[in-house]
């Protein structure tokens, strides 16, 4: 697999003036990470496991917040060669 799970909060791997792009794993399907874009104007999504996701921003920057199953989602990191 090209990606591996890493502990901790899920931060965007890309951000521009329009939105964010995140990669994360859901424990319902760990075969490949989900890649999801969130426009800054409406940063909400529902995962395939039906957990509601939103983009939150604090002093450390933007991150994904999972509302009912936070322990079932993991950050995805590209493996180094």
C-alpha atoms as a PDB file:
ATOM      1  CA  UNK A   1       0.000   0.000   0.000  1.00  0.00           C
ATOM      2  CA  UNK A   2       1.253   3.469  -0.854  1.00  0.00           C
ATOM      3  CA  UNK A   3      -0.169   5.047   2.332  1.00  0.00           C
ATOM      4  CA  UNK A   4      -0.026   4.137   5.987  1.00  0.00           C
ATOM      5  CA  UNK A   5      -2.064   5.215   8.984  1.00  0.00           C
ATOM      6  CA  UNK A   6      -0.580   7.643  11.450  1.00  0.00           C
ATOM      7  CA  UNK A   7      -1.934   8.642  14.860  1.00  0.00           C
ATOM      8  CA  UNK A   8      -3.144  12.132  15.607  1.00  0.00           C
ATOM      9  CA  UNK A   9      -5.335  14.701  14.015  1.00  0.00           C
ATOM     10  CA  UNK A  10      -6.064  14.719  10.316  1.00  0.00           C
ATOM     11  CA  UNK A  11      -4.715  17.841   8.642  1.00  0.00           C
ATOM     12  CA  UNK A  12      -5.022  18.824   4.963  1.00  0.00           C
ATOM     13  CA  UNK A  13      -2.312  17.810   2.534  1.00  0.00           C
ATOM     14  CA  UNK A  14      -3.395  20.689   0.273  1.00  0.00           C
ATOM     15  CA  UNK A  15      -5.002  24.058   0.962  1.00  0.00           C
ATOM     16  CA  UNK A  16      -5.732  27.005  -1.315  1.00  0.00           C
ATOM     17  CA  UNK A  17      -8.064  30.004  -1.195  1.00  0.00           C
ATOM     18  CA  UNK A  18     -11.068  27.849  -2.229  1.00  0.00           C
ATOM     19  CA  UNK A  19     -10.727  24.879   0.116  1.00  0.00           C
ATOM     20  CA  UNK A  20      -8.883  21.921   1.602  1.00  0.00           C
ATOM     21  CA  UNK A  21      -8.052  18.391   0.510  1.00  0.00           C
ATOM     22  CA  UNK A  22      -7.660  15.669   3.151  1.00  0.00           C
ATOM     23  CA  UNK A  23      -6.609  12.005   3.033  1.00  0.00           C
ATOM     24  CA  UNK A  24      -7.802   9.691   5.780  1.00  0.00           C
ATOM     25  CA  UNK A  25      -8.623   6.067   6.500  1.00  0.00           C
ATOM     26  CA  UNK A  26     -11.976   4.877   7.822  1.00  0.00           C
ATOM     27  CA  UNK A  27     -11.892   1.608   9.791  1.00  0.00           C
ATOM     28  CA  UNK A  28     -14.865   0.350   7.728  1.00  0.00           C
ATOM     29  CA  UNK A  29     -12.561   0.064   4.682  1.00  0.00           C
ATOM     30  CA  UNK A  30      -8.825   0.235   5.308  1.00  0.00           C
ATOM     31  CA  UNK A  31      -7.855  -0.882   1.776  1.00  0.00           C
ATOM     32  CA  UNK A  32      -7.181   2.671   0.574  1.00  0.00           C
ATOM     33  CA  UNK A  33      -7.440   6.164   2.042  1.00  0.00           C
ATOM     34  CA  UNK A  34     -10.369   8.423   1.277  1.00  0.00           C
ATOM     35  CA  UNK A  35      -9.405  11.636  -0.477  1.00  0.00           C
ATOM     36  CA  UNK A  36     -11.970  14.330   0.142  1.00  0.00           C
ATOM     37  CA  UNK A  37     -12.057  17.996  -0.783  1.00  0.00           C
ATOM     38  CA  UNK A  38     -13.905  20.515   1.368  1.00  0.00           C
ATOM     39  CA  UNK A  39     -14.765  23.991   0.075  1.00  0.00           C
ATOM     40  CA  UNK A  40     -14.098  26.657   2.676  1.00  0.00           C
ATOM     41  CA  UNK A  41     -17.621  27.976   2.163  1.00  0.00           C
ATOM     42  CA  UNK A  42     -19.267  24.691   3.258  1.00  0.00           C
ATOM     43  CA  UNK A  43     -16.757  22.450   5.035  1.00  0.00           C
ATOM     44  CA  UNK A  44     -19.044  19.471   5.833  1.00  0.00           C
ATOM     45  CA  UNK A  45     -19.166  15.881   4.597  1.00  0.00           C
ATOM     46  CA  UNK A  46     -20.613  12.492   5.544  1.00  0.00           C
ATOM     47  CA  UNK A  47     -18.192   9.561   5.519  1.00  0.00           C
ATOM     48  CA  UNK A  48     -19.185   6.200   4.021  1.00  0.00           C
ATOM     49  CA  UNK A  49     -19.645   4.936   7.594  1.00  0.00           C
ATOM     50  CA  UNK A  50     -22.252   7.703   8.041  1.00  0.00           C
ATOM     51  CA  UNK A  51     -20.195   9.744  10.488  1.00  0.00           C
ATOM     52  CA  UNK A  52     -20.574  13.482  10.022  1.00  0.00           C
ATOM     53  CA  UNK A  53     -17.296  15.292   9.331  1.00  0.00           C
ATOM     54  CA  UNK A  54     -16.490  18.983   9.481  1.00  0.00           C
ATOM     55  CA  UNK A  55     -13.386  21.093   9.070  1.00  0.00           C
ATOM     56  CA  UNK A  56     -12.441  22.906  12.261  1.00  0.00           C
ATOM     57  CA  UNK A  57      -9.709  25.527  12.600  1.00  0.00           C
ATOM     58  CA  UNK A  58      -7.771  26.318  15.748  1.00  0.00           C
ATOM     59  CA  UNK A  59      -4.392  27.891  16.513  1.00  0.00           C
ATOM     60  CA  UNK A  60      -2.621  24.876  14.921  1.00  0.00           C
ATOM     61  CA  UNK A  61      -4.600  25.220  11.677  1.00  0.00           C
ATOM     62  CA  UNK A  62      -7.378  23.245   9.967  1.00  0.00           C
ATOM     63  CA  UNK A  63      -8.209  19.634  10.855  1.00  0.00           C
ATOM     64  CA  UNK A  64     -11.051  17.148  10.428  1.00  0.00           C
ATOM     65  CA  UNK A  65     -13.528  16.631  13.241  1.00  0.00           C
ATOM     66  CA  UNK A  66     -15.489  13.371  13.275  1.00  0.00           C
ATOM     67  CA  UNK A  67     -18.659  13.689  15.301  1.00  0.00           C
ATOM     68  CA  UNK A  68     -19.738  10.176  16.304  1.00  0.00           C
ATOM     69  CA  UNK A  69     -16.798   7.869  15.462  1.00  0.00           C
ATOM     70  CA  UNK A  70     -13.551   9.827  15.956  1.00  0.00           C
ATOM     71  CA  UNK A  71     -11.612   6.684  16.950  1.00  0.00           C
ATOM     72  CA  UNK A  72     -12.576   4.993  13.663  1.00  0.00           C
ATOM     73  CA  UNK A  73     -10.698   7.439  11.429  1.00  0.00           C
ATOM     74  CA  UNK A  74      -6.959   7.797  10.909  1.00  0.00           C
ATOM     75  CA  UNK A  75      -4.639  10.195   9.132  1.00  0.00           C
ATOM     76  CA  UNK A  76      -3.028   8.877   5.942  1.00  0.00           C
ATOM     77  CA  UNK A  77       0.660   9.444   5.327  1.00  0.00           C
ATOM     78  CA  UNK A  78       2.465   8.626   2.106  1.00  0.00           C
ATOM     79  CA  UNK A  79       5.123   5.986   2.688  1.00  0.00           C
ATOM     80  CA  UNK A  80       8.670   7.097   2.003  1.00  0.00           C
ATOM     81  CA  UNK A  81      10.467   5.075  -0.647  1.00  0.00           C
END
